Protein backbone atom coordinates (compact mmCIF):
# COMPACT_ATOMS: atom_id res chain seq x y z
CA MET A 1 -23.47 26.91 -42.94
CA LYS A 2 -21.40 27.97 -39.96
CA ASN A 3 -24.24 26.94 -37.63
CA SER A 4 -24.39 23.46 -39.15
CA TYR A 5 -20.69 22.92 -38.42
CA VAL A 6 -21.13 24.07 -34.84
CA GLY A 7 -24.15 21.78 -34.48
CA ALA A 8 -22.28 18.83 -36.00
CA ILE A 9 -19.29 19.43 -33.71
CA ALA A 10 -21.60 19.66 -30.69
CA VAL A 11 -23.33 16.39 -31.60
CA LEU A 12 -19.98 14.73 -32.28
CA ALA A 13 -18.61 15.96 -28.93
CA LEU A 14 -21.71 14.63 -27.17
CA VAL A 15 -21.36 11.22 -28.82
CA VAL A 16 -17.63 11.04 -28.08
CA GLY A 17 -18.26 12.09 -24.48
CA ALA A 18 -20.94 9.42 -24.07
CA LEU A 19 -18.65 6.74 -25.52
CA VAL A 20 -15.72 7.78 -23.36
CA GLY A 21 -17.96 7.88 -20.29
CA TYR A 22 -19.31 4.42 -21.00
CA GLY A 23 -15.82 3.13 -21.66
CA MET A 24 -14.65 4.41 -18.28
CA TRP A 25 -17.63 3.73 -16.03
CA GLY A 26 -20.08 1.57 -17.94
CA GLN A 27 -18.08 -1.62 -17.75
CA GLN A 28 -17.38 -1.20 -14.05
CA ALA A 29 -21.01 -0.43 -13.31
CA THR A 30 -21.89 -4.00 -14.29
CA LYS A 31 -19.28 -5.27 -11.80
CA LEU A 32 -20.82 -3.36 -8.88
CA PRO A 33 -23.08 -6.18 -7.57
CA GLU A 34 -20.16 -8.61 -7.78
CA LEU A 35 -17.94 -6.21 -5.87
CA GLU A 36 -20.62 -5.69 -3.24
CA SER A 37 -20.92 -9.45 -2.67
CA GLN A 38 -17.13 -9.73 -2.38
CA LEU A 39 -17.15 -6.81 0.05
CA GLY A 40 -19.75 -8.62 2.15
CA LEU A 41 -17.58 -11.73 2.25
CA VAL A 42 -14.51 -9.71 3.25
CA ARG A 43 -16.48 -7.96 6.01
CA ALA A 44 -17.67 -11.33 7.34
CA GLN A 45 -14.09 -12.65 7.32
CA MET A 46 -12.84 -9.53 9.09
CA SER A 47 -15.56 -9.86 11.71
CA ALA A 48 -14.66 -13.50 12.31
CA SER A 49 -10.96 -12.62 12.53
CA LYS A 50 -11.72 -9.81 14.97
CA ARG A 51 -13.68 -12.20 17.22
CA LYS A 52 -10.81 -14.70 17.12
CA VAL A 53 -8.28 -12.01 18.02
CA GLU A 54 -10.46 -10.87 20.92
CA ASP A 55 -10.74 -14.47 22.15
CA LEU A 56 -6.97 -14.91 21.89
CA GLU A 57 -6.39 -11.68 23.81
CA ALA A 58 -8.78 -12.85 26.54
CA ASN A 59 -6.99 -16.21 26.74
CA LEU A 60 -3.64 -14.45 26.85
CA GLY A 61 -4.85 -12.39 29.79
CA LYS A 62 -5.95 -15.54 31.62
CA VAL A 63 -2.61 -17.24 30.93
CA ALA A 64 -0.71 -14.18 32.14
CA ASN A 65 -2.75 -14.11 35.37
CA GLU A 66 -2.16 -17.82 35.91
CA LYS A 67 1.57 -17.34 35.34
CA ILE A 68 1.68 -14.54 37.90
CA ASN A 69 -0.20 -16.69 40.41
CA LEU A 70 2.13 -19.63 39.81
CA GLU A 71 5.17 -17.40 40.24
CA LYS A 72 3.76 -16.18 43.57
CA GLU A 73 3.16 -19.78 44.65
CA VAL A 74 6.69 -20.79 43.63
CA ALA A 75 8.13 -17.86 45.58
CA ALA A 76 6.04 -18.81 48.62
CA LEU A 77 7.12 -22.45 48.35
CA LYS A 78 10.78 -21.46 48.03
CA GLU A 79 10.41 -19.24 51.09
CA SER A 80 8.75 -22.06 53.04
CA LEU A 81 11.46 -24.48 51.96
CA ALA A 82 14.17 -22.04 53.03
CA LYS A 83 12.53 -21.60 56.45
CA ALA A 84 12.13 -25.35 56.85
CA THR A 85 15.78 -26.02 56.03
CA LYS A 86 16.90 -23.31 58.49
CA LYS A 87 14.86 -24.91 61.28
CA ARG A 88 16.43 -28.33 60.62
CA ARG A 89 19.96 -26.99 61.01
């Protein structure tokens, strides 16, 4: 009689454990393919964003170099103008 109670409790614990396990992970296991497809989309968007950021950084570098060159040209022109005005005096 004592063994039948232990056996019944063991079976009951197994059933409850299976139900709790399914309740926790079983429903999410069906969502896994959907999550993987969403993850793929997010990775593609991140890759595209990363390429755009790299392009913007490259363009920023070009603009900065052009600005430096223009500043040098302006300084040279100002210097030439100053020399020209000194010669006229």
